PDB file of N, CA and C in Angstrom:
ATOM      1  N   MET A   1      -2.641  47.391  52.875  1.00  0.00           N
ATOM      2  CA  MET A   1      -1.957  47.166  51.196  1.00  0.00           C
ATOM      3  C   MET A   1      -3.562  46.970  50.669  1.00  0.00           C
ATOM      4  N   LYS A   2      -4.363  46.549  51.027  1.00  0.00           N
ATOM      5  CA  LYS A   2      -5.449  46.575  49.764  1.00  0.00           C
ATOM      6  C   LYS A   2      -6.019  47.468  49.807  1.00  0.00           C
ATOM      7  N   ARG A   3      -6.084  48.622  50.369  1.00  0.00           N
ATOM      8  CA  ARG A   3      -6.342  50.009  50.251  1.00  0.00           C
ATOM      9  C   ARG A   3      -5.511  50.859  48.726  1.00  0.00           C
ATOM     10  N   GLN A   4      -4.191  50.270  49.337  1.00  0.00           N
ATOM     11  CA  GLN A   4      -3.425  51.110  48.281  1.00  0.00           C
ATOM     12  C   GLN A   4      -3.862  50.486  46.900  1.00  0.00           C
ATOM     13  N   ASN A   5      -3.993  49.442  46.739  1.00  0.00           N
ATOM     14  CA  ASN A   5      -4.295  48.456  45.745  1.00  0.00           C
ATOM     15  C   ASN A   5      -5.791  49.216  45.022  1.00  0.00           C
ATOM     16  N   ASP A   6      -6.737  49.536  45.715  1.00  0.00           N
ATOM     17  CA  ASP A   6      -7.860  50.014  45.751  1.00  0.00           C
ATOM     18  C   ASP A   6      -7.920  51.216  44.984  1.00  0.00           C
ATOM     19  N   GLN A   7      -6.945  52.100  45.243  1.00  0.00           N
ATOM     20  CA  GLN A   7      -6.565  53.367  44.953  1.00  0.00           C
ATOM     21  C   GLN A   7      -6.075  53.684  43.420  1.00  0.00           C
ATOM     22  N   GLY A   8      -4.948  52.492  43.334  1.00  0.00           N
ATOM     23  CA  GLY A   8      -4.592  52.241  42.234  1.00  0.00           C
ATOM     24  C   GLY A   8      -5.733  51.505  41.124  1.00  0.00           C
ATOM     25  N   THR A   9      -6.264  50.972  41.521  1.00  0.00           N
ATOM     26  CA  THR A   9      -7.355  50.520  40.461  1.00  0.00           C
ATOM     27  C   THR A   9      -8.451  51.779  40.388  1.00  0.00           C
ATOM     28  N   LYS A  10      -8.802  52.287  41.193  1.00  0.00           N
ATOM     29  CA  LYS A  10      -9.578  53.509  41.013  1.00  0.00           C
ATOM     30  C   LYS A  10      -9.159  54.488  39.780  1.00  0.00           C
ATOM     31  N   ALA A  11      -7.809  54.803  40.032  1.00  0.00           N
ATOM     32  CA  ALA A  11      -6.970  55.377  39.244  1.00  0.00           C
ATOM     33  C   ALA A  11      -6.932  55.193  37.728  1.00  0.00           C
ATOM     34  N   ARG A  12      -6.629  53.984  37.769  1.00  0.00           N
ATOM     35  CA  ARG A  12      -6.704  53.158  36.419  1.00  0.00           C
ATOM     36  C   ARG A  12      -7.831  53.327  35.761  1.00  0.00           C
ATOM     37  N   LEU A  13      -8.789  53.023  36.192  1.00  0.00           N
ATOM     38  CA  LEU A  13     -10.244  52.950  35.809  1.00  0.00           C
ATOM     39  C   LEU A  13     -10.734  54.393  35.628  1.00  0.00           C
ATOM     40  N   LEU A  14     -10.448  55.650  36.023  1.00  0.00           N
ATOM     41  CA  LEU A  14     -10.564  56.583  35.561  1.00  0.00           C
ATOM     42  C   LEU A  14      -9.735  56.988  34.185  1.00  0.00           C
ATOM     43  N   ARG A  15      -8.576  56.647  34.561  1.00  0.00           N
ATOM     44  CA  ARG A  15      -7.523  57.021  33.293  1.00  0.00           C
ATOM     45  C   ARG A  15      -8.092  56.356  31.733  1.00  0.00           C
ATOM     46  N   VAL A  16      -8.727  55.215  32.175  1.00  0.00           N
ATOM     47  CA  VAL A  16      -9.322  54.406  31.016  1.00  0.00           C
ATOM     48  C   VAL A  16     -10.572  54.950  30.543  1.00  0.00           C
ATOM     49  N   MET A  17     -11.376  55.305  31.353  1.00  0.00           N
ATOM     50  CA  MET A  17     -12.584  56.095  30.807  1.00  0.00           C
ATOM     51  C   MET A  17     -12.475  57.604  30.341  1.00  0.00           C
ATOM     52  N   ARG A  18     -11.425  58.061  30.729  1.00  0.00           N
ATOM     53  CA  ARG A  18     -10.999  59.449  30.150  1.00  0.00           C
ATOM     54  C   ARG A  18     -10.371  59.391  29.063  1.00  0.00           C
ATOM     55  N   ALA A  19      -9.647  58.453  28.899  1.00  0.00           N
ATOM     56  CA  ALA A  19      -8.903  58.072  27.388  1.00  0.00           C
ATOM     57  C   ALA A  19      -9.988  57.741  26.295  1.00  0.00           C
ATOM     58  N   LEU A  20     -11.030  57.020  27.042  1.00  0.00           N
ATOM     59  CA  LEU A  20     -12.266  56.698  25.956  1.00  0.00           C
ATOM     60  C   LEU A  20     -13.273  57.878  25.419  1.00  0.00           C
ATOM     61  N   ILE A  21     -13.363  58.511  26.533  1.00  0.00           N
ATOM     62  CA  ILE A  21     -14.001  59.929  26.139  1.00  0.00           C
ATOM     63  C   ILE A  21     -13.291  60.681  25.083  1.00  0.00           C
ATOM     64  N   GLU A  22     -12.280  61.195  25.643  1.00  0.00           N
ATOM     65  CA  GLU A  22     -11.408  62.285  24.862  1.00  0.00           C
ATOM     66  C   GLU A  22     -11.107  61.753  23.747  1.00  0.00           C
ATOM     67  N   ARG A  23     -10.810  60.172  23.190  1.00  0.00           N
ATOM     68  CA  ARG A  23     -10.480  59.681  21.768  1.00  0.00           C
ATOM     69  C   ARG A  23     -11.327  58.559  21.767  1.00  0.00           C
ATOM     70  N   PRO A  24     -12.719  58.853  21.543  1.00  0.00           N
ATOM     71  CA  PRO A  24     -13.421  57.614  20.902  1.00  0.00           C
ATOM     72  C   PRO A  24     -12.969  56.940  20.003  1.00  0.00           C
ATOM     73  N   TYR A  25     -12.747  55.353  20.069  1.00  0.00           N
ATOM     74  CA  TYR A  25     -12.328  54.918  18.948  1.00  0.00           C
ATOM     75  C   TYR A  25     -10.702  54.864  18.687  1.00  0.00           C
ATOM     76  N   GLY A  26      -9.904  55.495  19.472  1.00  0.00           N
ATOM     77  CA  GLY A  26      -8.679  55.890  19.763  1.00  0.00           C
ATOM     78  C   GLY A  26      -7.881  54.733  20.280  1.00  0.00           C
ATOM     79  N   TYR A  27      -8.282  53.903  20.719  1.00  0.00           N
ATOM     80  CA  TYR A  27      -7.687  52.722  21.747  1.00  0.00           C
ATOM     81  C   TYR A  27      -8.091  51.363  21.699  1.00  0.00           C
ATOM     82  N   THR A  28      -7.077  50.363  21.374  1.00  0.00           N
ATOM     83  CA  THR A  28      -7.349  48.900  21.712  1.00  0.00           C
ATOM     84  C   THR A  28      -7.215  48.759  22.973  1.00  0.00           C
ATOM     85  N   LYS A  29      -7.567  47.742  23.513  1.00  0.00           N
ATOM     86  CA  LYS A  29      -7.150  47.016  24.873  1.00  0.00           C
ATOM     87  C   LYS A  29      -5.870  46.979  25.090  1.00  0.00           C
ATOM     88  N   ASN A  30      -4.862  46.720  24.037  1.00  0.00           N
ATOM     89  CA  ASN A  30      -3.541  46.602  24.112  1.00  0.00           C
ATOM     90  C   ASN A  30      -2.943  47.821  24.516  1.00  0.00           C
ATOM     91  N   ASP A  31      -3.559  49.029  23.623  1.00  0.00           N
ATOM     92  CA  ASP A  31      -3.125  50.403  23.911  1.00  0.00           C
ATOM     93  C   ASP A  31      -3.564  50.726  25.133  1.00  0.00           C
ATOM     94  N   LEU A  32      -4.656  50.463  26.002  1.00  0.00           N
ATOM     95  CA  LEU A  32      -5.062  51.056  27.207  1.00  0.00           C
ATOM     96  C   LEU A  32      -4.234  50.162  28.264  1.00  0.00           C
ATOM     97  N   ALA A  33      -3.790  48.895  28.034  1.00  0.00           N
ATOM     98  CA  ALA A  33      -2.782  47.717  28.840  1.00  0.00           C
ATOM     99  C   ALA A  33      -1.787  48.745  29.228  1.00  0.00           C
ATOM    100  N   ASN A  34      -0.930  49.064  27.791  1.00  0.00           N
ATOM    101  CA  ASN A  34       0.148  49.785  28.063  1.00  0.00           C
ATOM    102  C   ASN A  34       0.006  50.933  28.474  1.00  0.00           C
ATOM    103  N   MET A  35      -0.849  51.621  28.497  1.00  0.00           N
ATOM    104  CA  MET A  35      -1.047  53.060  28.786  1.00  0.00           C
ATOM    105  C   MET A  35      -1.047  53.052  30.354  1.00  0.00           C
ATOM    106  N   THR A  36      -1.522  51.924  30.736  1.00  0.00           N
ATOM    107  CA  THR A  36      -1.943  51.998  32.400  1.00  0.00           C
ATOM    108  C   THR A  36      -0.903  50.837  33.145  1.00  0.00           C
ATOM    109  N   GLY A  37       0.047  50.492  32.583  1.00  0.00           N
ATOM    110  CA  GLY A  37       1.131  49.547  32.994  1.00  0.00           C
ATOM    111  C   GLY A  37       0.356  48.011  33.519  1.00  0.00           C
ATOM    112  N   VAL A  38      -0.983  47.711  32.898  1.00  0.00           N
ATOM    113  CA  VAL A  38      -1.392  46.369  33.406  1.00  0.00           C
ATOM    114  C   VAL A  38      -1.846  45.283  31.806  1.00  0.00           C
ATOM    115  N   ASP A  39      -2.418  44.371  32.006  1.00  0.00           N
ATOM    116  CA  ASP A  39      -2.150  43.229  31.174  1.00  0.00           C
ATOM    117  C   ASP A  39      -3.660  43.493  30.375  1.00  0.00           C
ATOM    118  N   LYS A  40      -3.779  42.941  29.442  1.00  0.00           N
ATOM    119  CA  LYS A  40      -5.056  43.062  28.610  1.00  0.00           C
ATOM    120  C   LYS A  40      -6.303  42.398  29.403  1.00  0.00           C
ATOM    121  N   GLY A  41      -6.039  41.173  30.181  1.00  0.00           N
ATOM    122  CA  GLY A  41      -6.927  40.829  30.783  1.00  0.00           C
ATOM    123  C   GLY A  41      -7.541  41.846  31.514  1.00  0.00           C
ATOM    124  N   THR A  42      -6.732  42.154  32.524  1.00  0.00           N
ATOM    125  CA  THR A  42      -7.049  43.460  33.276  1.00  0.00           C
ATOM    126  C   THR A  42      -7.961  44.579  32.552  1.00  0.00           C
ATOM    127  N   ILE A  43      -7.889  45.163  31.658  1.00  0.00           N
ATOM    128  CA  ILE A  43      -8.734  45.844  30.764  1.00  0.00           C
ATOM    129  C   ILE A  43      -9.864  45.255  30.383  1.00  0.00           C
ATOM    130  N   THR A  44      -9.981  44.111  30.396  1.00  0.00           N
ATOM    131  CA  THR A  44     -11.080  43.124  29.552  1.00  0.00           C
ATOM    132  C   THR A  44     -11.956  43.536  31.181  1.00  0.00           C
ATOM    133  N   ARG A  45     -11.458  42.968  32.260  1.00  0.00           N
ATOM    134  CA  ARG A  45     -12.198  43.064  33.596  1.00  0.00           C
ATOM    135  C   ARG A  45     -12.797  44.433  33.896  1.00  0.00           C
ATOM    136  N   ASP A  46     -11.905  45.494  33.661  1.00  0.00           N
ATOM    137  CA  ASP A  46     -12.309  46.865  33.746  1.00  0.00           C
ATOM    138  C   ASP A  46     -13.881  47.279  32.897  1.00  0.00           C
ATOM    139  N   PHE A  47     -13.714  46.575  31.358  1.00  0.00           N
ATOM    140  CA  PHE A  47     -14.599  46.990  30.581  1.00  0.00           C
ATOM    141  C   PHE A  47     -16.025  46.142  31.138  1.00  0.00           C
ATOM    142  N   ASN A  48     -15.777  45.028  31.675  1.00  0.00           N
ATOM    143  CA  ASN A  48     -16.895  44.102  32.222  1.00  0.00           C
ATOM    144  C   ASN A  48     -17.611  45.127  33.534  1.00  0.00           C
ATOM    145  N   ASP A  49     -16.705  45.686  34.399  1.00  0.00           N
ATOM    146  CA  ASP A  49     -17.114  46.626  35.590  1.00  0.00           C
ATOM    147  C   ASP A  49     -17.641  47.935  35.020  1.00  0.00           C
ATOM    148  N   PHE A  50     -17.299  48.282  33.925  1.00  0.00           N
ATOM    149  CA  PHE A  50     -18.053  49.292  33.179  1.00  0.00           C
ATOM    150  C   PHE A  50     -19.667  49.003  32.765  1.00  0.00           C
ATOM    151  N   MET A  51     -19.521  47.889  32.195  1.00  0.00           N
ATOM    152  CA  MET A  51     -20.703  47.508  31.488  1.00  0.00           C
ATOM    153  C   MET A  51     -21.587  46.990  32.725  1.00  0.00           C
ATOM    154  N   ASN A  52     -21.295  46.548  33.795  1.00  0.00           N
ATOM    155  CA  ASN A  52     -22.047  46.164  34.957  1.00  0.00           C
ATOM    156  C   ASN A  52     -22.387  47.332  35.662  1.00  0.00           C
ATOM    157  N   ALA A  53     -21.850  48.496  35.561  1.00  0.00           N
ATOM    158  CA  ALA A  53     -22.382  49.876  35.922  1.00  0.00           C
ATOM    159  C   ALA A  53     -23.359  50.649  35.134  1.00  0.00           C
ATOM    160  N   GLY A  54     -23.697  49.908  34.134  1.00  0.00           N
ATOM    161  CA  GLY A  54     -24.338  50.748  33.139  1.00  0.00           C
ATOM    162  C   GLY A  54     -23.774  51.572  31.735  1.00  0.00           C
ATOM    163  N   PHE A  55     -22.446  51.301  31.908  1.00  0.00           N
ATOM    164  CA  PHE A  55     -21.940  51.797  30.396  1.00  0.00           C
ATOM    165  C   PHE A  55     -21.736  51.195  29.475  1.00  0.00           C
ATOM    166  N   LEU A  56     -22.105  51.442  28.352  1.00  0.00           N
ATOM    167  CA  LEU A  56     -21.940  50.323  26.895  1.00  0.00           C
ATOM    168  C   LEU A  56     -20.814  50.779  26.493  1.00  0.00           C
ATOM    169  N   LEU A  57     -19.974  49.837  25.983  1.00  0.00           N
ATOM    170  CA  LEU A  57     -18.733  49.821  24.826  1.00  0.00           C
ATOM    171  C   LEU A  57     -19.348  49.202  23.490  1.00  0.00           C
ATOM    172  N   GLN A  58     -18.529  49.836  22.762  1.00  0.00           N
ATOM    173  CA  GLN A  58     -18.382  49.416  21.099  1.00  0.00           C
ATOM    174  C   GLN A  58     -17.202  49.200  20.753  1.00  0.00           C
ATOM    175  N   THR A  59     -17.088  48.392  19.561  1.00  0.00           N
ATOM    176  CA  THR A  59     -15.882  48.793  18.754  1.00  0.00           C
ATOM    177  C   THR A  59     -16.082  49.212  17.430  1.00  0.00           C
ATOM    178  N   ASP A  60     -14.920  49.371  16.974  1.00  0.00           N
ATOM    179  CA  ASP A  60     -14.959  49.557  15.346  1.00  0.00           C
ATOM    180  C   ASP A  60     -14.316  48.535  14.717  1.00  0.00           C
ATOM    181  N   ASN A  61     -13.788  48.489  13.493  1.00  0.00           N
ATOM    182  CA  ASN A  61     -13.317  47.227  12.598  1.00  0.00           C
ATOM    183  C   ASN A  61     -11.941  46.781  13.177  1.00  0.00           C
ATOM    184  N   ARG A  62     -11.432  48.073  13.837  1.00  0.00           N
ATOM    185  CA  ARG A  62      -9.817  47.756  14.152  1.00  0.00           C
ATOM    186  C   ARG A  62      -9.662  47.401  15.694  1.00  0.00           C
ATOM    187  N   TYR A  63     -10.989  47.127  16.405  1.00  0.00           N
ATOM    188  CA  TYR A  63     -11.335  46.755  17.816  1.00  0.00           C
ATOM    189  C   TYR A  63     -10.420  47.933  18.953  1.00  0.00           C
ATOM    190  N   ARG A  64     -10.934  49.090  18.084  1.00  0.00           N
ATOM    191  CA  ARG A  64     -10.691  50.187  19.001  1.00  0.00           C
ATOM    192  C   ARG A  64     -12.166  50.510  19.874  1.00  0.00           C
ATOM    193  N   TYR A  65     -12.046  50.914  20.903  1.00  0.00           N
ATOM    194  CA  TYR A  65     -12.895  50.893  21.808  1.00  0.00           C
ATOM    195  C   TYR A  65     -13.671  52.529  22.178  1.00  0.00           C
ATOM    196  N   SER A  66     -15.044  52.415  22.305  1.00  0.00           N
ATOM    197  CA  SER A  66     -15.626  53.879  22.758  1.00  0.00           C
ATOM    198  C   SER A  66     -16.965  53.224  23.448  1.00  0.00           C
ATOM    199  N   PHE A  67     -17.088  54.484  24.487  1.00  0.00           N
ATOM    200  CA  PHE A  67     -18.542  54.033  24.932  1.00  0.00           C
ATOM    201  C   PHE A  67     -19.550  54.530  24.002  1.00  0.00           C
ATOM    202  N   VAL A  68     -20.954  53.667  24.170  1.00  0.00           N
ATOM    203  CA  VAL A  68     -22.011  54.237  23.347  1.00  0.00           C
ATOM    204  C   VAL A  68     -22.572  55.215  24.057  1.00  0.00           C
ATOM    205  N   VAL A  69     -22.901  56.638  23.284  1.00  0.00           N
ATOM    206  CA  VAL A  69     -23.259  57.987  23.997  1.00  0.00           C
ATOM    207  C   VAL A  69     -24.713  57.328  24.497  1.00  0.00           C
ATOM    208  N   GLY A  70     -25.193  57.775  25.597  1.00  0.00           N
ATOM    209  CA  GLY A  70     -26.491  57.764  26.321  1.00  0.00           C
ATOM    210  C   GLY A  70     -26.346  58.425  27.475  1.00  0.00           C
ATOM    211  N   LYS A  71     -27.467  58.218  28.710  1.00  0.00           N
ATOM    212  CA  LYS A  71     -27.351  58.752  29.937  1.00  0.00           C
ATOM    213  C   LYS A  71     -26.245  59.009  30.318  1.00  0.00           C
ATOM    214  N   PRO A  72     -25.803  57.620  30.995  1.00  0.00           N
ATOM    215  CA  PRO A  72     -24.725  57.275  31.458  1.00  0.00           C
ATOM    216  C   PRO A  72     -23.471  58.102  31.147  1.00  0.00           C
ATOM    217  N   TYR A  73     -23.184  57.860  30.021  1.00  0.00           N
ATOM    218  CA  TYR A  73     -22.187  58.480  29.067  1.00  0.00           C
ATOM    219  C   TYR A  73     -22.052  59.974  29.658  1.00  0.00           C
ATOM    220  N   GLN A  74     -23.354  60.537  29.169  1.00  0.00           N
ATOM    221  CA  GLN A  74     -23.392  62.159  29.175  1.00  0.00           C
ATOM    222  C   GLN A  74     -23.039  62.407  30.633  1.00  0.00           C
ATOM    223  N   GLN A  75     -23.816  61.414  31.671  1.00  0.00           N
ATOM    224  CA  GLN A  75     -23.675  62.087  33.245  1.00  0.00           C
ATOM    225  C   GLN A  75     -21.934  61.908  33.443  1.00  0.00           C
ATOM    226  N   LEU A  76     -21.232  60.999  32.920  1.00  0.00           N
ATOM    227  CA  LEU A  76     -19.777  60.686  33.190  1.00  0.00           C
ATOM    228  C   LEU A  76     -19.038  61.765  32.241  1.00  0.00           C
ATOM    229  N   LYS A  77     -19.127  62.308  31.081  1.00  0.00           N
ATOM    230  CA  LYS A  77     -18.350  63.237  30.641  1.00  0.00           C
ATOM    231  C   LYS A  77     -18.633  64.525  31.285  1.00  0.00           C
ATOM    232  N   SER A  78     -20.057  64.910  31.618  1.00  0.00           N
ATOM    233  CA  SER A  78     -20.095  66.341  32.283  1.00  0.00           C
ATOM    234  C   SER A  78     -18.958  66.082  33.566  1.00  0.00           C
ATOM    235  N   LEU A  79     -19.248  65.039  34.181  1.00  0.00           N
ATOM    236  CA  LEU A  79     -18.114  65.089  35.285  1.00  0.00           C
ATOM    237  C   LEU A  79     -16.603  65.089  35.008  1.00  0.00           C
ATOM    238  N   LEU A  80     -16.221  64.588  33.938  1.00  0.00           N
ATOM    239  CA  LEU A  80     -14.749  64.479  33.532  1.00  0.00           C
ATOM    240  C   LEU A  80     -14.105  65.770  32.986  1.00  0.00           C
ATOM    241  N   HIS A  81     -15.177  66.618  32.510  1.00  0.00           N
ATOM    242  CA  HIS A  81     -14.624  67.925  31.816  1.00  0.00           C
ATOM    243  C   HIS A  81     -15.166  69.262  32.675  1.00  0.00           C
TER     244      HIS A  81
END
């Protein structure tokens, strides 16, 4: 049972990462939660996981998110494209 949940978590994290890379400042936490079928608190925890892994996030004045361009971001972007 836990393995199935882990697979869902990994897939969601990748969908969120890809969305933020493809459309920087295109999504709020609510947008991402709706897109992935989870609540906003789950997206907040996902963002914390990203930051713990070395990826920085920032928002615009409408609370839409983007990764901060840096070495971890460039490495991730090259893997996803």
